[in-house]
Amino acid sequence: MTPSLRYINGDELAEIMKSGKAAKKDFLVVDVRDDDFEGGNIKGCLNSPSRQFLLEVDGLVRETKEVPLVIFHCALSQVRGPKAARIYAETRKNVLAGNDIPYEVVILRDGFSQFQVKYKDDPELVENWDKDVWASEWS
């Protein structure tokens, strides 16, 4: 049975990131945006583009098997992020086959688009932010 996936909002993610927990150890943010990764990202995230996610998911599971919280998102977390989270959870169950730590797979509600609106000016939360990319996205 695949673990149920829940959503967290940007404030919850910001709280996790500022809590003293270590990225890639206590939690990992997986950004599955493709070309739209340009223009900024959540600090310390792993970019695993959706177009090649299926090819790389086994390796991602092996790399993250000690990480208890894996957070997925895309631009809006409506299609790519939730789909990748489901694939990851199912693959993790199959690859680790009972030899796993307690873990949770979650999805960032509203994706990076809304996260960057609120947190783009906080270097603890967002890196590589480019106002020109975001100005052209919505104009």
Protein backbone atom coordinates (compact mmCIF):
# COMPACT_ATOMS: atom_id res chain seq x y z
CA MET A 1 0.00 0.00 0.00
CA THR A 2 1.36 3.41 -0.96
CA PRO A 3 1.61 5.81 1.96
CA SER A 4 -0.99 8.55 1.79
CA LEU A 5 0.34 11.82 0.48
CA ARG A 6 -0.51 15.05 2.20
CA TYR A 7 0.03 18.66 1.29
CA ILE A 8 1.90 21.28 3.26
CA ASN A 9 1.74 25.00 2.61
CA GLY A 10 4.60 27.42 2.10
CA ASP A 11 4.55 28.59 5.71
CA GLU A 12 4.94 25.02 6.94
CA LEU A 13 7.89 24.46 4.59
CA ALA A 14 9.50 27.73 5.68
CA GLU A 15 9.11 26.65 9.30
CA ILE A 16 10.77 23.28 8.57
CA MET A 17 13.63 24.98 6.73
CA LYS A 18 14.25 27.47 9.55
CA SER A 19 13.86 24.93 12.37
CA GLY A 20 17.52 23.92 12.39
CA LYS A 21 16.82 20.70 10.51
CA ALA A 22 19.38 19.88 7.83
CA ALA A 23 18.42 19.82 4.16
CA LYS A 24 19.16 16.48 2.47
CA LYS A 25 19.40 14.82 5.89
CA ASP A 26 16.26 15.63 7.90
CA PHE A 27 14.23 16.68 4.86
CA LEU A 28 14.64 17.05 1.12
CA VAL A 29 12.79 19.32 -1.27
CA VAL A 30 12.52 17.78 -4.75
CA ASP A 31 11.68 20.28 -7.49
CA VAL A 32 10.41 18.52 -10.61
CA ARG A 33 10.15 21.60 -12.81
CA ASP A 34 11.71 21.26 -16.24
CA ASP A 35 12.81 24.36 -18.19
CA ASP A 36 10.72 26.44 -15.79
CA PHE A 37 13.33 25.74 -13.06
CA GLU A 38 15.09 28.89 -14.29
CA GLY A 39 14.48 32.02 -12.26
CA GLY A 40 14.78 30.74 -8.74
CA ASN A 41 14.34 27.75 -6.50
CA ILE A 42 13.87 26.68 -2.92
CA LYS A 43 17.25 26.79 -1.24
CA GLY A 44 18.99 23.43 -1.18
CA CYS A 45 16.41 21.67 -3.33
CA LEU A 46 17.19 18.85 -5.70
CA ASN A 47 16.03 19.49 -9.27
CA SER A 48 14.79 16.25 -10.80
CA PRO A 49 12.99 17.34 -13.99
CA SER A 50 9.65 15.62 -14.58
CA ARG A 51 10.54 14.71 -18.16
CA GLN A 52 13.23 12.30 -16.90
CA PHE A 53 11.83 11.53 -13.43
CA LEU A 54 10.78 7.97 -14.24
CA LEU A 55 14.30 7.17 -15.43
CA GLU A 56 15.90 8.53 -12.26
CA VAL A 57 13.44 7.64 -9.50
CA ASP A 58 15.15 4.39 -8.44
CA GLY A 59 18.40 6.27 -7.87
CA LEU A 60 16.56 9.03 -6.04
CA VAL A 61 14.99 6.48 -3.70
CA ARG A 62 18.39 4.94 -2.96
CA GLU A 63 19.96 8.38 -2.38
CA THR A 64 17.17 9.47 -0.04
CA LYS A 65 16.47 6.26 1.87
CA GLU A 66 17.70 7.85 5.12
CA VAL A 67 15.65 11.04 4.67
CA PRO A 68 12.45 10.95 6.74
CA LEU A 69 10.62 13.80 4.95
CA VAL A 70 10.62 14.20 1.16
CA ILE A 71 8.74 17.23 -0.20
CA PHE A 72 7.78 17.44 -3.88
CA HIS A 73 6.72 20.43 -5.93
CA CYS A 74 6.63 21.91 -9.41
CA ALA A 75 5.49 25.36 -10.49
CA LEU A 76 1.92 25.02 -9.20
CA SER A 77 1.94 21.49 -7.69
CA GLN A 78 -1.14 20.55 -9.66
CA VAL A 79 0.24 17.85 -12.00
CA ARG A 80 4.00 17.23 -12.10
CA GLY A 81 4.69 17.56 -8.36
CA PRO A 82 1.86 15.31 -7.15
CA LYS A 83 2.55 12.74 -9.90
CA ALA A 84 6.26 12.59 -9.01
CA ALA A 85 5.39 12.25 -5.31
CA ARG A 86 3.11 9.28 -6.05
CA ILE A 87 5.74 7.63 -8.28
CA TYR A 88 8.44 8.20 -5.65
CA ALA A 89 6.30 6.78 -2.82
CA GLU A 90 5.38 3.68 -4.83
CA THR A 91 8.97 3.17 -6.00
CA ARG A 92 10.34 3.62 -2.49
CA LYS A 93 7.95 0.96 -1.21
CA ASN A 94 9.05 -1.45 -3.97
CA VAL A 95 12.78 -0.74 -3.94
CA LEU A 96 13.26 -0.75 -0.18
CA ALA A 97 10.70 -3.55 0.35
CA GLY A 98 10.26 -3.29 4.10
CA ASN A 99 13.87 -2.26 4.80
CA ASP A 100 12.89 1.35 5.28
CA ILE A 101 12.85 3.98 7.99
CA PRO A 102 9.62 5.75 8.94
CA TYR A 103 9.19 8.46 6.33
CA GLU A 104 6.67 10.80 4.82
CA VAL A 105 6.21 12.06 1.28
CA VAL A 106 4.45 15.42 1.01
CA ILE A 107 3.56 17.93 -1.69
CA LEU A 108 4.06 21.69 -1.45
CA ARG A 109 0.63 23.23 -2.03
CA ASP A 110 0.63 25.83 -4.84
CA GLY A 111 4.23 24.98 -5.78
CA PHE A 112 7.14 27.32 -6.24
CA SER A 113 5.02 30.00 -7.90
CA GLN A 114 3.31 30.89 -4.64
CA PHE A 115 6.30 30.10 -2.42
CA GLN A 116 8.44 32.63 -4.28
CA VAL A 117 5.73 35.32 -4.06
CA LYS A 118 6.02 35.29 -0.27
CA TYR A 119 9.64 34.25 0.28
CA LYS A 120 11.68 35.44 -2.74
CA ASP A 121 13.51 38.02 -0.61
CA ASP A 122 14.53 35.52 2.09
CA PRO A 123 17.96 34.03 1.24
CA GLU A 124 17.40 31.25 3.79
CA LEU A 125 14.45 30.01 1.72
CA VAL A 126 14.93 31.00 -1.93
CA GLU A 127 18.07 31.13 -4.07
CA ASN A 128 18.85 32.11 -7.67
CA TRP A 129 15.71 34.26 -7.85
CA ASP A 130 15.56 36.40 -11.01
CA LYS A 131 12.91 39.11 -11.16
CA ASP A 132 13.16 39.27 -14.96
CA VAL A 133 12.11 35.63 -15.32
CA TRP A 134 9.09 36.16 -13.09
CA ALA A 135 8.15 39.45 -14.78
CA SER A 136 8.08 37.74 -18.18
CA GLU A 137 6.21 34.68 -16.86
CA TRP A 138 3.09 36.62 -16.04
CA SER A 139 3.15 39.50 -18.51
